[in-house]
Amino acid sequence: MPKVKTNSGAKKRFVLTGSGKIKRKHAFKRHILTKKTNKQKRYLTHSGLVASCDCGEVRALLALK
């Protein structure tokens, strides 16, 4: 059986933590920032975790288990 390739877009976007969770960045922080409040931009700066319902799909893209 051939090796499973990692999705090259996913490997740039997600990081696996030590406890096995998947870390991600928030969307909507790239452009059109003038209409967003400082508080909104500040909260978008911090990284988040992938929701549990999406973890299976992301793990498949990263070729984990």
C-alpha atoms as a PDB file:
ATOM      1  CA  MET A   1       0.000   0.000   0.000  1.00  0.00           C
ATOM      2  CA  PRO A   2       1.420   3.452  -0.865  1.00  0.00           C
ATOM      3  CA  LYS A   3       2.311   6.068   1.699  1.00  0.00           C
ATOM      4  CA  VAL A   4      -0.371   8.630   2.572  1.00  0.00           C
ATOM      5  CA  LYS A   5       0.679  12.123   1.600  1.00  0.00           C
ATOM      6  CA  THR A   6       0.135  15.082   3.894  1.00  0.00           C
ATOM      7  CA  ASN A   7      -2.032  17.837   2.423  1.00  0.00           C
ATOM      8  CA  SER A   8       0.427  20.674   1.759  1.00  0.00           C
ATOM      9  CA  GLY A   9      -2.148  23.380   2.540  1.00  0.00           C
ATOM     10  CA  ALA A  10      -3.015  21.777   5.884  1.00  0.00           C
ATOM     11  CA  LYS A  11       0.575  21.385   7.025  1.00  0.00           C
ATOM     12  CA  LYS A  12       1.053  25.161   6.662  1.00  0.00           C
ATOM     13  CA  ARG A  13      -2.089  25.973   8.666  1.00  0.00           C
ATOM     14  CA  PHE A  14      -2.203  23.532  11.584  1.00  0.00           C
ATOM     15  CA  VAL A  15       0.232  22.595  14.371  1.00  0.00           C
ATOM     16  CA  LEU A  16      -0.040  19.608  16.678  1.00  0.00           C
ATOM     17  CA  THR A  17       0.338  20.413  20.398  1.00  0.00           C
ATOM     18  CA  GLY A  18       2.089  18.216  22.934  1.00  0.00           C
ATOM     19  CA  SER A  19      -1.203  16.901  24.294  1.00  0.00           C
ATOM     20  CA  GLY A  20      -2.406  15.934  20.800  1.00  0.00           C
ATOM     21  CA  LYS A  21      -4.747  18.837  20.138  1.00  0.00           C
ATOM     22  CA  ILE A  22      -4.583  20.763  16.861  1.00  0.00           C
ATOM     23  CA  LYS A  23      -3.770  24.459  16.964  1.00  0.00           C
ATOM     24  CA  ARG A  24      -4.955  26.948  14.341  1.00  0.00           C
ATOM     25  CA  LYS A  25      -4.971  30.668  13.620  1.00  0.00           C
ATOM     26  CA  HIS A  26      -8.059  32.854  13.488  1.00  0.00           C
ATOM     27  CA  ALA A  27      -9.458  34.092  10.195  1.00  0.00           C
ATOM     28  CA  PHE A  28     -10.314  37.713   9.268  1.00  0.00           C
ATOM     29  CA  LYS A  29      -6.981  39.257  10.316  1.00  0.00           C
ATOM     30  CA  ARG A  30      -5.378  39.770   6.874  1.00  0.00           C
ATOM     31  CA  HIS A  31      -6.966  42.853   5.299  1.00  0.00           C
ATOM     32  CA  ILE A  32      -9.877  45.299   5.645  1.00  0.00           C
ATOM     33  CA  LEU A  33      -8.760  45.948   9.218  1.00  0.00           C
ATOM     34  CA  THR A  34      -9.819  49.608   9.370  1.00  0.00           C
ATOM     35  CA  LYS A  35     -13.472  48.814  10.085  1.00  0.00           C
ATOM     36  CA  LYS A  36     -12.648  46.269  12.806  1.00  0.00           C
ATOM     37  CA  THR A  37     -12.284  47.419  16.403  1.00  0.00           C
ATOM     38  CA  ASN A  38      -8.977  47.167  18.251  1.00  0.00           C
ATOM     39  CA  LYS A  39     -10.506  44.634  20.619  1.00  0.00           C
ATOM     40  CA  GLN A  40     -11.639  42.439  17.723  1.00  0.00           C
ATOM     41  CA  LYS A  41      -8.195  42.548  16.088  1.00  0.00           C
ATOM     42  CA  ARG A  42      -6.504  41.796  19.416  1.00  0.00           C
ATOM     43  CA  TYR A  43      -8.622  38.685  20.009  1.00  0.00           C
ATOM     44  CA  LEU A  44      -7.996  37.468  16.453  1.00  0.00           C
ATOM     45  CA  THR A  45      -4.237  37.616  17.087  1.00  0.00           C
ATOM     46  CA  HIS A  46      -4.283  34.707  19.549  1.00  0.00           C
ATOM     47  CA  SER A  47      -4.295  31.160  18.240  1.00  0.00           C
ATOM     48  CA  GLY A  48      -7.197  28.806  18.827  1.00  0.00           C
ATOM     49  CA  LEU A  49      -7.871  25.093  18.795  1.00  0.00           C
ATOM     50  CA  VAL A  50      -9.674  23.110  16.123  1.00  0.00           C
ATOM     51  CA  ALA A  51     -13.166  22.101  17.253  1.00  0.00           C
ATOM     52  CA  SER A  52     -13.590  18.474  18.274  1.00  0.00           C
ATOM     53  CA  CYS A  53     -16.079  17.812  15.452  1.00  0.00           C
ATOM     54  CA  ASP A  54     -13.476  18.917  12.870  1.00  0.00           C
ATOM     55  CA  CYS A  55     -10.464  17.133  14.370  1.00  0.00           C
ATOM     56  CA  GLY A  56     -11.016  13.924  12.421  1.00  0.00           C
ATOM     57  CA  GLU A  57     -11.035  15.693   9.087  1.00  0.00           C
ATOM     58  CA  VAL A  58      -7.930  17.753   9.910  1.00  0.00           C
ATOM     59  CA  ARG A  59      -6.100  14.667  11.159  1.00  0.00           C
ATOM     60  CA  ALA A  60      -6.870  12.932   7.855  1.00  0.00           C
ATOM     61  CA  LEU A  61      -5.434  15.902   5.936  1.00  0.00           C
ATOM     62  CA  LEU A  62      -2.298  15.800   8.115  1.00  0.00           C
ATOM     63  CA  ALA A  63      -2.068  11.990   7.642  1.00  0.00           C
ATOM     64  CA  LEU A  64      -2.235  11.314  11.385  1.00  0.00           C
ATOM     65  CA  LYS A  65      -3.735   7.940  12.372  1.00  0.00           C
END
